[in-house]
Amino acid sequence: MEKLVENYVERITSTNEYKKLIELKKIINQKYKMQIIAFKNKEALYLEAKKNKEYYNDFELIKKSFIDAKKNLYSKEEVKEYFTYERLIQNMLDEDMNDLKRSISDSFFITSNCQKNL
């Protein structure tokens, strides 16, 4: 079973989509380091303020600041491309998971029918 998992991971990580995703992640982390830090700080403040709105008179300002930081980071071409590749890989994983579910369901159905016929 462990070998099957290793083979599956190898299959996914050897795809051009995965390699491009890793390449883009490195570029984004280097090129947009300050924007990432600003986004994460504003996200943390926003999440804290959202839980405790009654203590934050400036909640709407905090929310706007977070939204602006997110727009700034997510509007970068490399980030957009990263999310495109991330979706492609997620689609591959979803397809594989659906194939696995179908094969298990089919196997269960066939086994159940065989047992009924005995």
PDB file of N, CA and C in Angstrom:
ATOM      1  N   MET A   1       0.827  -1.198   0.000  1.00  0.00           N
ATOM      2  CA  MET A   1       0.000   0.000   0.000  1.00  0.00           C
ATOM      3  C   MET A   1       0.871   1.261   0.000  1.00  0.00           C
ATOM      4  N   GLU A   2       1.927   1.221   0.818  1.00  0.00           N
ATOM      5  CA  GLU A   2       2.822   2.374   0.899  1.00  0.00           C
ATOM      6  C   GLU A   2       3.452   2.675  -0.459  1.00  0.00           C
ATOM      7  N   LYS A   3       3.793   1.643  -1.184  1.00  0.00           N
ATOM      8  CA  LYS A   3       4.395   1.811  -2.511  1.00  0.00           C
ATOM      9  C   LYS A   3       3.398   2.460  -3.474  1.00  0.00           C
ATOM     10  N   LEU A   4       2.126   2.097  -3.366  1.00  0.00           N
ATOM     11  CA  LEU A   4       1.089   2.716  -4.199  1.00  0.00           C
ATOM     12  C   LEU A   4       1.007   4.223  -3.946  1.00  0.00           C
ATOM     13  N   VAL A   5       1.071   4.582  -2.681  1.00  0.00           N
ATOM     14  CA  VAL A   5       1.018   5.997  -2.315  1.00  0.00           C
ATOM     15  C   VAL A   5       2.235   6.721  -2.867  1.00  0.00           C
ATOM     16  N   GLU A   6       3.404   6.134  -2.694  1.00  0.00           N
ATOM     17  CA  GLU A   6       4.632   6.741  -3.216  1.00  0.00           C
ATOM     18  C   GLU A   6       4.555   6.915  -4.732  1.00  0.00           C
ATOM     19  N   ASN A   7       4.049   5.913  -5.421  1.00  0.00           N
ATOM     20  CA  ASN A   7       3.911   5.992  -6.885  1.00  0.00           C
ATOM     21  C   ASN A   7       2.936   7.094  -7.287  1.00  0.00           C
ATOM     22  N   TYR A   8       1.851   7.201  -6.528  1.00  0.00           N
ATOM     23  CA  TYR A   8       0.855   8.232  -6.833  1.00  0.00           C
ATOM     24  C   TYR A   8       1.436   9.631  -6.626  1.00  0.00           C
ATOM     25  N   VAL A   9       2.121   9.813  -5.528  1.00  0.00           N
ATOM     26  CA  VAL A   9       2.750  11.108  -5.245  1.00  0.00           C
ATOM     27  C   VAL A   9       3.768  11.428  -6.339  1.00  0.00           C
ATOM     28  N   GLU A  10       4.546  10.449  -6.719  1.00  0.00           N
ATOM     29  CA  GLU A  10       5.540  10.640  -7.790  1.00  0.00           C
ATOM     30  C   GLU A  10       4.858  11.025  -9.101  1.00  0.00           C
ATOM     31  N   ARG A  11       3.749  10.367  -9.376  1.00  0.00           N
ATOM     32  CA  ARG A  11       3.022  10.692 -10.618  1.00  0.00           C
ATOM     33  C   ARG A  11       2.550  12.143 -10.630  1.00  0.00           C
ATOM     34  N   ILE A  12       2.003  12.605  -9.525  1.00  0.00           N
ATOM     35  CA  ILE A  12       1.503  13.985  -9.437  1.00  0.00           C
ATOM     36  C   ILE A  12       2.662  14.974  -9.477  1.00  0.00           C
ATOM     37  N   THR A  13       3.691  14.724  -8.676  1.00  0.00           N
ATOM     38  CA  THR A  13       4.803  15.684  -8.581  1.00  0.00           C
ATOM     39  C   THR A  13       5.672  15.716  -9.835  1.00  0.00           C
ATOM     40  N   SER A  14       5.528  14.745 -10.699  1.00  0.00           N
ATOM     41  CA  SER A  14       6.305  14.759 -11.940  1.00  0.00           C
ATOM     42  C   SER A  14       5.575  15.454 -13.092  1.00  0.00           C
ATOM     43  N   THR A  15       4.343  15.879 -12.860  1.00  0.00           N
ATOM     44  CA  THR A  15       3.609  16.574 -13.926  1.00  0.00           C
ATOM     45  C   THR A  15       4.166  17.979 -14.148  1.00  0.00           C
ATOM     46  N   ASN A  16       4.021  18.464 -15.353  1.00  0.00           N
ATOM     47  CA  ASN A  16       4.455  19.833 -15.672  1.00  0.00           C
ATOM     48  C   ASN A  16       3.678  20.858 -14.850  1.00  0.00           C
ATOM     49  N   GLU A  17       2.412  20.562 -14.581  1.00  0.00           N
ATOM     50  CA  GLU A  17       1.580  21.476 -13.801  1.00  0.00           C
ATOM     51  C   GLU A  17       2.131  21.650 -12.384  1.00  0.00           C
ATOM     52  N   TYR A  18       2.510  20.551 -11.781  1.00  0.00           N
ATOM     53  CA  TYR A  18       3.049  20.617 -10.419  1.00  0.00           C
ATOM     54  C   TYR A  18       4.396  21.345 -10.405  1.00  0.00           C
ATOM     55  N   LYS A  19       5.241  21.028 -11.364  1.00  0.00           N
ATOM     56  CA  LYS A  19       6.551  21.690 -11.446  1.00  0.00           C
ATOM     57  C   LYS A  19       6.390  23.196 -11.627  1.00  0.00           C
ATOM     58  N   LYS A  20       5.447  23.598 -12.448  1.00  0.00           N
ATOM     59  CA  LYS A  20       5.194  25.024 -12.660  1.00  0.00           C
ATOM     60  C   LYS A  20       4.654  25.670 -11.376  1.00  0.00           C
ATOM     61  N   LEU A  21       3.790  24.964 -10.670  1.00  0.00           N
ATOM     62  CA  LEU A  21       3.245  25.467  -9.407  1.00  0.00           C
ATOM     63  C   LEU A  21       4.374  25.751  -8.402  1.00  0.00           C
ATOM     64  N   ILE A  22       5.310  24.827  -8.285  1.00  0.00           N
ATOM     65  CA  ILE A  22       6.438  24.984  -7.358  1.00  0.00           C
ATOM     66  C   ILE A  22       7.324  26.153  -7.801  1.00  0.00           C
ATOM     67  N   GLU A  23       7.570  26.245  -9.089  1.00  0.00           N
ATOM     68  CA  GLU A  23       8.374  27.350  -9.632  1.00  0.00           C
ATOM     69  C   GLU A  23       7.709  28.699  -9.322  1.00  0.00           C
ATOM     70  N   LEU A  24       6.410  28.790  -9.540  1.00  0.00           N
ATOM     71  CA  LEU A  24       5.689  30.034  -9.273  1.00  0.00           C
ATOM     72  C   LEU A  24       5.694  30.374  -7.784  1.00  0.00           C
ATOM     73  N   LYS A  25       5.567  29.364  -6.941  1.00  0.00           N
ATOM     74  CA  LYS A  25       5.589  29.607  -5.492  1.00  0.00           C
ATOM     75  C   LYS A  25       6.911  30.245  -5.074  1.00  0.00           C
ATOM     76  N   LYS A  26       8.008  29.750  -5.614  1.00  0.00           N
ATOM     77  CA  LYS A  26       9.324  30.319  -5.303  1.00  0.00           C
ATOM     78  C   LYS A  26       9.418  31.768  -5.778  1.00  0.00           C
ATOM     79  N   ILE A  27       8.950  32.008  -6.983  1.00  0.00           N
ATOM     80  CA  ILE A  27       8.982  33.374  -7.544  1.00  0.00           C
ATOM     81  C   ILE A  27       8.139  34.313  -6.690  1.00  0.00           C
ATOM     82  N   ILE A  28       6.947  33.885  -6.356  1.00  0.00           N
ATOM     83  CA  ILE A  28       6.027  34.716  -5.563  1.00  0.00           C
ATOM     84  C   ILE A  28       6.629  35.023  -4.193  1.00  0.00           C
ATOM     85  N   ASN A  29       7.172  34.006  -3.542  1.00  0.00           N
ATOM     86  CA  ASN A  29       7.749  34.212  -2.209  1.00  0.00           C
ATOM     87  C   ASN A  29       8.924  35.183  -2.227  1.00  0.00           C
ATOM     88  N   GLN A  30       9.692  35.166  -3.300  1.00  0.00           N
ATOM     89  CA  GLN A  30      10.834  36.074  -3.409  1.00  0.00           C
ATOM     90  C   GLN A  30      10.400  37.472  -3.859  1.00  0.00           C
ATOM     91  N   LYS A  31       9.608  37.512  -4.893  1.00  0.00           N
ATOM     92  CA  LYS A  31       9.256  38.779  -5.535  1.00  0.00           C
ATOM     93  C   LYS A  31       8.257  39.611  -4.730  1.00  0.00           C
ATOM     94  N   TYR A  32       7.358  38.945  -4.023  1.00  0.00           N
ATOM     95  CA  TYR A  32       6.275  39.652  -3.331  1.00  0.00           C
ATOM     96  C   TYR A  32       6.313  39.444  -1.813  1.00  0.00           C
ATOM     97  N   LYS A  33       7.509  39.294  -1.286  1.00  0.00           N
ATOM     98  CA  LYS A  33       7.675  39.027   0.144  1.00  0.00           C
ATOM     99  C   LYS A  33       6.983  40.086   1.009  1.00  0.00           C
ATOM    100  N   MET A  34       7.159  41.328   0.701  1.00  0.00           N
ATOM    101  CA  MET A  34       6.575  42.408   1.504  1.00  0.00           C
ATOM    102  C   MET A  34       5.043  42.418   1.394  1.00  0.00           C
ATOM    103  N   GLN A  35       4.514  42.171   0.199  1.00  0.00           N
ATOM    104  CA  GLN A  35       3.067  42.121   0.027  1.00  0.00           C
ATOM    105  C   GLN A  35       2.458  40.937   0.783  1.00  0.00           C
ATOM    106  N   ILE A  36       3.183  39.820   0.819  1.00  0.00           N
ATOM    107  CA  ILE A  36       2.701  38.638   1.537  1.00  0.00           C
ATOM    108  C   ILE A  36       2.659  38.931   3.031  1.00  0.00           C
ATOM    109  N   ILE A  37       3.700  39.545   3.545  1.00  0.00           N
ATOM    110  CA  ILE A  37       3.742  39.891   4.967  1.00  0.00           C
ATOM    111  C   ILE A  37       2.614  40.863   5.308  1.00  0.00           C
ATOM    112  N   ALA A  38       2.433  41.889   4.477  1.00  0.00           N
ATOM    113  CA  ALA A  38       1.360  42.862   4.715  1.00  0.00           C
ATOM    114  C   ALA A  38      -0.004  42.171   4.686  1.00  0.00           C
ATOM    115  N   PHE A  39      -0.211  41.304   3.707  1.00  0.00           N
ATOM    116  CA  PHE A  39      -1.476  40.582   3.594  1.00  0.00           C
ATOM    117  C   PHE A  39      -1.731  39.727   4.833  1.00  0.00           C
ATOM    118  N   LYS A  40      -0.741  38.971   5.262  1.00  0.00           N
ATOM    119  CA  LYS A  40      -0.922  38.078   6.422  1.00  0.00           C
ATOM    120  C   LYS A  40      -1.173  38.875   7.699  1.00  0.00           C
ATOM    121  N   ASN A  41      -0.478  39.986   7.868  1.00  0.00           N
ATOM    122  CA  ASN A  41      -0.704  40.824   9.053  1.00  0.00           C
ATOM    123  C   ASN A  41      -2.108  41.416   9.046  1.00  0.00           C
ATOM    124  N   LYS A  42      -2.537  41.905   7.903  1.00  0.00           N
ATOM    125  CA  LYS A  42      -3.876  42.504   7.812  1.00  0.00           C
ATOM    126  C   LYS A  42      -4.961  41.443   7.920  1.00  0.00           C
ATOM    127  N   GLU A  43      -4.684  40.254   7.419  1.00  0.00           N
ATOM    128  CA  GLU A  43      -5.638  39.145   7.554  1.00  0.00           C
ATOM    129  C   GLU A  43      -5.799  38.763   9.029  1.00  0.00           C
ATOM    130  N   ALA A  44      -4.671  38.661   9.734  1.00  0.00           N
ATOM    131  CA  ALA A  44      -4.729  38.297  11.162  1.00  0.00           C
ATOM    132  C   ALA A  44      -5.505  39.344  11.959  1.00  0.00           C
ATOM    133  N   LEU A  45      -5.244  40.614  11.688  1.00  0.00           N
ATOM    134  CA  LEU A  45      -5.967  41.682  12.380  1.00  0.00           C
ATOM    135  C   LEU A  45      -7.456  41.633  12.044  1.00  0.00           C
ATOM    136  N   TYR A  46      -7.767  41.425  10.781  1.00  0.00           N
ATOM    137  CA  TYR A  46      -9.163  41.349  10.347  1.00  0.00           C
ATOM    138  C   TYR A  46      -9.889  40.192  11.040  1.00  0.00           C
ATOM    139  N   LEU A  47      -9.256  39.027  11.075  1.00  0.00           N
ATOM    140  CA  LEU A  47      -9.901  37.864  11.697  1.00  0.00           C
ATOM    141  C   LEU A  47     -10.121  38.084  13.191  1.00  0.00           C
ATOM    142  N   GLU A  48      -9.154  38.704  13.840  1.00  0.00           N
ATOM    143  CA  GLU A  48      -9.308  39.026  15.259  1.00  0.00           C
ATOM    144  C   GLU A  48     -10.441  40.032  15.454  1.00  0.00           C
ATOM    145  N   ALA A  49     -10.456  41.072  14.638  1.00  0.00           N
ATOM    146  CA  ALA A  49     -11.491  42.107  14.751  1.00  0.00           C
ATOM    147  C   ALA A  49     -12.871  41.546  14.422  1.00  0.00           C
ATOM    148  N   LYS A  50     -12.932  40.637  13.477  1.00  0.00           N
ATOM    149  CA  LYS A  50     -14.211  40.033  13.088  1.00  0.00           C
ATOM    150  C   LYS A  50     -14.822  39.249  14.246  1.00  0.00           C
ATOM    151  N   LYS A  51     -13.974  38.555  15.012  1.00  0.00           N
ATOM    152  CA  LYS A  51     -14.461  37.782  16.166  1.00  0.00           C
ATOM    153  C   LYS A  51     -14.927  38.697  17.297  1.00  0.00           C
ATOM    154  N   ASN A  52     -14.335  39.872  17.382  1.00  0.00           N
ATOM    155  CA  ASN A  52     -14.586  40.779  18.513  1.00  0.00           C
ATOM    156  C   ASN A  52     -14.962  42.177  18.030  1.00  0.00           C
ATOM    157  N   LYS A  53     -15.925  42.250  17.144  1.00  0.00           N
ATOM    158  CA  LYS A  53     -16.304  43.533  16.541  1.00  0.00           C
ATOM    159  C   LYS A  53     -16.633  44.601  17.568  1.00  0.00           C
ATOM    160  N   GLU A  54     -17.199  44.191  18.690  1.00  0.00           N
ATOM    161  CA  GLU A  54     -17.624  45.178  19.687  1.00  0.00           C
ATOM    162  C   GLU A  54     -16.437  45.964  20.259  1.00  0.00           C
ATOM    163  N   TYR A  55     -15.227  45.416  20.148  1.00  0.00           N
ATOM    164  CA  TYR A  55     -14.037  46.097  20.672  1.00  0.00           C
ATOM    165  C   TYR A  55     -13.299  46.913  19.605  1.00  0.00           C
ATOM    166  N   TYR A  56     -13.751  46.823  18.376  1.00  0.00           N
ATOM    167  CA  TYR A  56     -13.079  47.515  17.274  1.00  0.00           C
ATOM    168  C   TYR A  56     -14.026  48.524  16.637  1.00  0.00           C
ATOM    169  N   ASN A  57     -13.857  49.785  17.003  1.00  0.00           N
ATOM    170  CA  ASN A  57     -14.686  50.837  16.410  1.00  0.00           C
ATOM    171  C   ASN A  57     -14.346  51.044  14.937  1.00  0.00           C
ATOM    172  N   ASP A  58     -13.137  50.672  14.567  1.00  0.00           N
ATOM    173  CA  ASP A  58     -12.667  50.867  13.194  1.00  0.00           C
ATOM    174  C   ASP A  58     -12.704  49.573  12.372  1.00  0.00           C
ATOM    175  N   PHE A  59     -13.653  48.694  12.688  1.00  0.00           N
ATOM    176  CA  PHE A  59     -13.729  47.402  12.003  1.00  0.00           C
ATOM    177  C   PHE A  59     -13.822  47.563  10.489  1.00  0.00           C
ATOM    178  N   GLU A  60     -14.651  48.479  10.027  1.00  0.00           N
ATOM    179  CA  GLU A  60     -14.815  48.652   8.576  1.00  0.00           C
ATOM    180  C   GLU A  60     -13.502  49.098   7.919  1.00  0.00           C
ATOM    181  N   LEU A  61     -12.733  49.897   8.605  1.00  0.00           N
ATOM    182  CA  LEU A  61     -11.434  50.337   8.094  1.00  0.00           C
ATOM    183  C   LEU A  61     -10.454  49.155   8.050  1.00  0.00           C
ATOM    184  N   ILE A  62     -10.472  48.337   9.087  1.00  0.00           N
ATOM    185  CA  ILE A  62      -9.627  47.134   9.128  1.00  0.00           C
ATOM    186  C   ILE A  62     -10.018  46.190   7.993  1.00  0.00           C
ATOM    187  N   LYS A  63     -11.304  46.017   7.798  1.00  0.00           N
ATOM    188  CA  LYS A  63     -11.819  45.149   6.729  1.00  0.00           C
ATOM    189  C   LYS A  63     -11.371  45.659   5.361  1.00  0.00           C
ATOM    190  N   LYS A  64     -11.505  46.957   5.146  1.00  0.00           N
ATOM    191  CA  LYS A  64     -11.096  47.553   3.863  1.00  0.00           C
ATOM    192  C   LYS A  64      -9.595  47.397   3.636  1.00  0.00           C
ATOM    193  N   SER A  65      -8.827  47.584   4.683  1.00  0.00           N
ATOM    194  CA  SER A  65      -7.377  47.438   4.585  1.00  0.00           C
ATOM    195  C   SER A  65      -6.995  46.010   4.202  1.00  0.00           C
ATOM    196  N   PHE A  66      -7.683  45.033   4.783  1.00  0.00           N
ATOM    197  CA  PHE A  66      -7.450  43.625   4.455  1.00  0.00           C
ATOM    198  C   PHE A  66      -7.833  43.348   3.003  1.00  0.00           C
ATOM    199  N   ILE A  67      -8.985  43.831   2.592  1.00  0.00           N
ATOM    200  CA  ILE A  67      -9.446  43.620   1.213  1.00  0.00           C
ATOM    201  C   ILE A  67      -8.464  44.229   0.221  1.00  0.00           C
ATOM    202  N   ASP A  68      -7.966  45.423   0.520  1.00  0.00           N
ATOM    203  CA  ASP A  68      -7.004  46.087  -0.369  1.00  0.00           C
ATOM    204  C   ASP A  68      -5.697  45.297  -0.462  1.00  0.00           C
ATOM    205  N   ALA A  69      -5.223  44.788   0.680  1.00  0.00           N
ATOM    206  CA  ALA A  69      -3.986  43.997   0.682  1.00  0.00           C
ATOM    207  C   ALA A  69      -4.172  42.711  -0.129  1.00  0.00           C
ATOM    208  N   LYS A  70      -5.342  42.101   0.002  1.00  0.00           N
ATOM    209  CA  LYS A  70      -5.631  40.872  -0.741  1.00  0.00           C
ATOM    210  C   LYS A  70      -5.698  41.164  -2.241  1.00  0.00           C
ATOM    211  N   LYS A  71      -6.392  42.226  -2.610  1.00  0.00           N
ATOM    212  CA  LYS A  71      -6.473  42.600  -4.031  1.00  0.00           C
ATOM    213  C   LYS A  71      -5.090  42.876  -4.590  1.00  0.00           C
ATOM    214  N   ASN A  72      -4.285  43.579  -3.823  1.00  0.00           N
ATOM    215  CA  ASN A  72      -2.932  43.918  -4.261  1.00  0.00           C
ATOM    216  C   ASN A  72      -2.123  42.662  -4.550  1.00  0.00           C
ATOM    217  N   LEU A  73      -2.128  41.717  -3.634  1.00  0.00           N
ATOM    218  CA  LEU A  73      -1.362  40.489  -3.809  1.00  0.00           C
ATOM    219  C   LEU A  73      -1.956  39.602  -4.901  1.00  0.00           C
ATOM    220  N   TYR A  74      -3.255  39.414  -4.879  1.00  0.00           N
ATOM    221  CA  TYR A  74      -3.903  38.493  -5.810  1.00  0.00           C
ATOM    222  C   TYR A  74      -3.988  39.035  -7.238  1.00  0.00           C
ATOM    223  N   SER A  75      -3.681  40.294  -7.434  1.00  0.00           N
ATOM    224  CA  SER A  75      -3.721  40.863  -8.783  1.00  0.00           C
ATOM    225  C   SER A  75      -2.407  40.664  -9.536  1.00  0.00           C
ATOM    226  N   LYS A  76      -1.384  40.186  -8.869  1.00  0.00           N
ATOM    227  CA  LYS A  76      -0.090  39.944  -9.513  1.00  0.00           C
ATOM    228  C   LYS A  76      -0.219  38.768 -10.475  1.00  0.00           C
ATOM    229  N   GLU A  77       0.401  38.911 -11.647  1.00  0.00           N
ATOM    230  CA  GLU A  77       0.268  37.882 -12.690  1.00  0.00           C
ATOM    231  C   GLU A  77       0.734  36.508 -12.219  1.00  0.00           C
ATOM    232  N   GLU A  78       1.842  36.465 -11.497  1.00  0.00           N
ATOM    233  CA  GLU A  78       2.348  35.181 -11.024  1.00  0.00           C
ATOM    234  C   GLU A  78       1.382  34.529 -10.038  1.00  0.00           C
ATOM    235  N   VAL A  79       0.729  35.324  -9.233  1.00  0.00           N
ATOM    236  CA  VAL A  79      -0.230  34.788  -8.257  1.00  0.00           C
ATOM    237  C   VAL A  79      -1.457  34.252  -8.995  1.00  0.00           C
ATOM    238  N   LYS A  80      -1.932  34.995  -9.967  1.00  0.00           N
ATOM    239  CA  LYS A  80      -3.073  34.507 -10.767  1.00  0.00           C
ATOM    240  C   LYS A  80      -2.729  33.185 -11.445  1.00  0.00           C
ATOM    241  N   GLU A  81      -1.531  33.126 -12.012  1.00  0.00           N
ATOM    242  CA  GLU A  81      -1.093  31.909 -12.694  1.00  0.00           C
ATOM    243  C   GLU A  81      -0.942  30.758 -11.687  1.00  0.00           C
ATOM    244  N   TYR A  82      -0.430  31.065 -10.505  1.00  0.00           N
ATOM    245  CA  TYR A  82      -0.291  30.063  -9.442  1.00  0.00           C
ATOM    246  C   TYR A  82      -1.649  29.438  -9.127  1.00  0.00           C
ATOM    247  N   PHE A  83      -2.665  30.270  -8.942  1.00  0.00           N
ATOM    248  CA  PHE A  83      -3.997  29.749  -8.621  1.00  0.00           C
ATOM    249  C   PHE A  83      -4.572  28.930  -9.775  1.00  0.00           C
ATOM    250  N   THR A  84      -4.238  29.285 -11.000  1.00  0.00           N
ATOM    251  CA  THR A  84      -4.684  28.505 -12.157  1.00  0.00           C
ATOM    252  C   THR A  84      -4.092  27.098 -12.096  1.00  0.00           C
ATOM    253  N   TYR A  85      -2.799  27.017 -11.837  1.00  0.00           N
ATOM    254  CA  TYR A  85      -2.153  25.703 -11.743  1.00  0.00           C
ATOM    255  C   TYR A  85      -2.633  24.929 -10.521  1.00  0.00           C
ATOM    256  N   GLU A  86      -2.887  25.626  -9.450  1.00  0.00           N
ATOM    257  CA  GLU A  86      -3.413  24.970  -8.252  1.00  0.00           C
ATOM    258  C   GLU A  86      -4.769  24.324  -8.547  1.00  0.00           C
ATOM    259  N   ARG A  87      -5.618  25.048  -9.284  1.00  0.00           N
ATOM    260  CA  ARG A  87      -6.927  24.484  -9.664  1.00  0.00           C
ATOM    261  C   ARG A  87      -6.767  23.279 -10.586  1.00  0.00           C
ATOM    262  N   LEU A  88      -5.818  23.346 -11.519  1.00  0.00           N
ATOM    263  CA  LEU A  88      -5.592  22.214 -12.424  1.00  0.00           C
ATOM    264  C   LEU A  88      -5.190  20.963 -11.647  1.00  0.00           C
ATOM    265  N   ILE A  89      -4.300  21.133 -10.703  1.00  0.00           N
ATOM    266  CA  ILE A  89      -3.860  19.992  -9.897  1.00  0.00           C
ATOM    267  C   ILE A  89      -4.998  19.487  -9.025  1.00  0.00           C
ATOM    268  N   GLN A  90      -5.760  20.406  -8.442  1.00  0.00           N
ATOM    269  CA  GLN A  90      -6.901  19.987  -7.628  1.00  0.00           C
ATOM    270  C   GLN A  90      -7.912  19.207  -8.471  1.00  0.00           C
ATOM    271  N   ASN A  91      -8.113  19.626  -9.707  1.00  0.00           N
ATOM    272  CA  ASN A  91      -9.018  18.901 -10.605  1.00  0.00           C
ATOM    273  C   ASN A  91      -8.504  17.483 -10.883  1.00  0.00           C
ATOM    274  N   MET A  92      -7.190  17.358 -11.077  1.00  0.00           N
ATOM    275  CA  MET A  92      -6.607  16.024 -11.289  1.00  0.00           C
ATOM    276  C   MET A  92      -6.847  15.149 -10.061  1.00  0.00           C
ATOM    277  N   LEU A  93      -6.621  15.709  -8.876  1.00  0.00           N
ATOM    278  CA  LEU A  93      -6.834  14.950  -7.632  1.00  0.00           C
ATOM    279  C   LEU A  93      -8.302  14.568  -7.463  1.00  0.00           C
ATOM    280  N   ASP A  94      -9.186  15.499  -7.781  1.00  0.00           N
ATOM    281  CA  ASP A  94     -10.626  15.221  -7.685  1.00  0.00           C
ATOM    282  C   ASP A  94     -11.037  14.103  -8.637  1.00  0.00           C
ATOM    283  N   GLU A  95     -10.516  14.142  -9.861  1.00  0.00           N
ATOM    284  CA  GLU A  95     -10.833  13.089 -10.831  1.00  0.00           C
ATOM    285  C   GLU A  95     -10.349  11.730 -10.330  1.00  0.00           C
ATOM    286  N   ASP A  96      -9.131  11.713  -9.799  1.00  0.00           N
ATOM    287  CA  ASP A  96      -8.596  10.454  -9.269  1.00  0.00           C
ATOM    288  C   ASP A  96      -9.441   9.949  -8.098  1.00  0.00           C
ATOM    289  N   MET A  97      -9.841  10.863  -7.237  1.00  0.00           N
ATOM    290  CA  MET A  97     -10.659  10.482  -6.082  1.00  0.00           C
ATOM    291  C   MET A  97     -12.015   9.942  -6.547  1.00  0.00           C
ATOM    292  N   ASN A  98     -12.594  10.569  -7.552  1.00  0.00           N
ATOM    293  CA  ASN A  98     -13.876  10.093  -8.083  1.00  0.00           C
ATOM    294  C   ASN A  98     -13.726   8.718  -8.731  1.00  0.00           C
ATOM    295  N   ASP A  99     -12.619   8.508  -9.456  1.00  0.00           N
ATOM    296  CA  ASP A  99     -12.357   7.189 -10.042  1.00  0.00           C
ATOM    297  C   ASP A  99     -12.233   6.130  -8.955  1.00  0.00           C
ATOM    298  N   LEU A 100     -11.535   6.481  -7.890  1.00  0.00           N
ATOM    299  CA  LEU A 100     -11.366   5.553  -6.772  1.00  0.00           C
ATOM    300  C   LEU A 100     -12.712   5.234  -6.124  1.00  0.00           C
ATOM    301  N   LYS A 101     -13.518   6.260  -5.908  1.00  0.00           N
ATOM    302  CA  LYS A 101     -14.847   6.038  -5.307  1.00  0.00           C
ATOM    303  C   LYS A 101     -15.699   5.140  -6.194  1.00  0.00           C
ATOM    304  N   ARG A 102     -15.657   5.395  -7.506  1.00  0.00           N
ATOM    305  CA  ARG A 102     -16.448   4.580  -8.429  1.00  0.00           C
ATOM    306  C   ARG A 102     -15.976   3.130  -8.416  1.00  0.00           C
ATOM    307  N   SER A 103     -14.671   2.943  -8.406  1.00  0.00           N
ATOM    308  CA  SER A 103     -14.177   1.566  -8.439  1.00  0.00           C
ATOM    309  C   SER A 103     -14.528   0.840  -7.142  1.00  0.00           C
ATOM    310  N   ILE A 104     -14.487   1.538  -6.019  1.00  0.00           N
ATOM    311  CA  ILE A 104     -14.877   0.918  -4.751  1.00  0.00           C
ATOM    312  C   ILE A 104     -16.368   0.623  -4.750  1.00  0.00           C
ATOM    313  N   SER A 105     -17.161   1.581  -5.226  1.00  0.00           N
ATOM    314  CA  SER A 105     -18.610   1.375  -5.279  1.00  0.00           C
ATOM    315  C   SER A 105     -18.961   0.232  -6.208  1.00  0.00           C
ATOM    316  N   ASP A 106     -18.326   0.201  -7.365  1.00  0.00           N
ATOM    317  CA  ASP A 106     -18.590  -0.873  -8.315  1.00  0.00           C
ATOM    318  C   ASP A 106     -18.192  -2.219  -7.724  1.00  0.00           C
ATOM    319  N   SER A 107     -17.057  -2.262  -7.074  1.00  0.00           N
ATOM    320  CA  SER A 107     -16.585  -3.491  -6.456  1.00  0.00           C
ATOM    321  C   SER A 107     -17.548  -3.939  -5.362  1.00  0.00           C
ATOM    322  N   PHE A 108     -18.000  -3.008  -4.564  1.00  0.00           N
ATOM    323  CA  PHE A 108     -18.943  -3.323  -3.492  1.00  0.00           C
ATOM    324  C   PHE A 108     -20.259  -3.825  -4.085  1.00  0.00           C
ATOM    325  N   PHE A 109     -20.724  -3.160  -5.135  1.00  0.00           N
ATOM    326  CA  PHE A 109     -21.974  -3.544  -5.776  1.00  0.00           C
ATOM    327  C   PHE A 109     -21.868  -4.949  -6.357  1.00  0.00           C
ATOM    328  N   ILE A 110     -20.765  -5.244  -7.033  1.00  0.00           N
ATOM    329  CA  ILE A 110     -20.565  -6.563  -7.637  1.00  0.00           C
ATOM    330  C   ILE A 110     -20.490  -7.626  -6.554  1.00  0.00           C
ATOM    331  N   THR A 111     -19.752  -7.345  -5.492  1.00  0.00           N
ATOM    332  CA  THR A 111     -19.625  -8.289  -4.384  1.00  0.00           C
ATOM    333  C   THR A 111     -20.984  -8.544  -3.736  1.00  0.00           C
ATOM    334  N   SER A 112     -21.748  -7.486  -3.532  1.00  0.00           N
ATOM    335  CA  SER A 112     -23.077  -7.634  -2.915  1.00  0.00           C
ATOM    336  C   SER A 112     -23.986  -8.487  -3.782  1.00  0.00           C
ATOM    337  N   ASN A 113     -23.973  -8.256  -5.069  1.00  0.00           N
ATOM    338  CA  ASN A 113     -24.811  -9.035  -5.977  1.00  0.00           C
ATOM    339  C   ASN A 113     -24.396 -10.504  -6.026  1.00  0.00           C
ATOM    340  N   CYS A 114     -23.090 -10.747  -5.980  1.00  0.00           N
ATOM    341  CA  CYS A 114     -22.586 -12.127  -5.990  1.00  0.00           C
ATOM    342  C   CYS A 114     -23.030 -12.863  -4.737  1.00  0.00           C
ATOM    343  N   GLN A 115     -23.005 -12.188  -3.614  1.00  0.00           N
ATOM    344  CA  GLN A 115     -23.394 -12.823  -2.356  1.00  0.00           C
ATOM    345  C   GLN A 115     -24.894 -13.109  -2.345  1.00  0.00           C
ATOM    346  N   LYS A 116     -25.685 -12.249  -2.963  1.00  0.00           N
ATOM    347  CA  LYS A 116     -27.137 -12.464  -3.021  1.00  0.00           C
ATOM    348  C   LYS A 116     -27.452 -13.709  -3.866  1.00  0.00           C
ATOM    349  N   ASN A 117     -26.662 -13.919  -4.918  1.00  0.00           N
ATOM    350  CA  ASN A 117     -26.904 -15.035  -5.811  1.00  0.00           C
ATOM    351  C   ASN A 117     -26.478 -16.376  -5.216  1.00  0.00           C
ATOM    352  N   LEU A 118     -25.697 -16.332  -4.142  1.00  0.00           N
ATOM    353  CA  LEU A 118     -25.268 -17.614  -3.519  1.00  0.00           C
ATOM    354  C   LEU A 118     -26.363 -18.167  -2.760  1.00  0.00           C
TER     355      LEU A 118
END
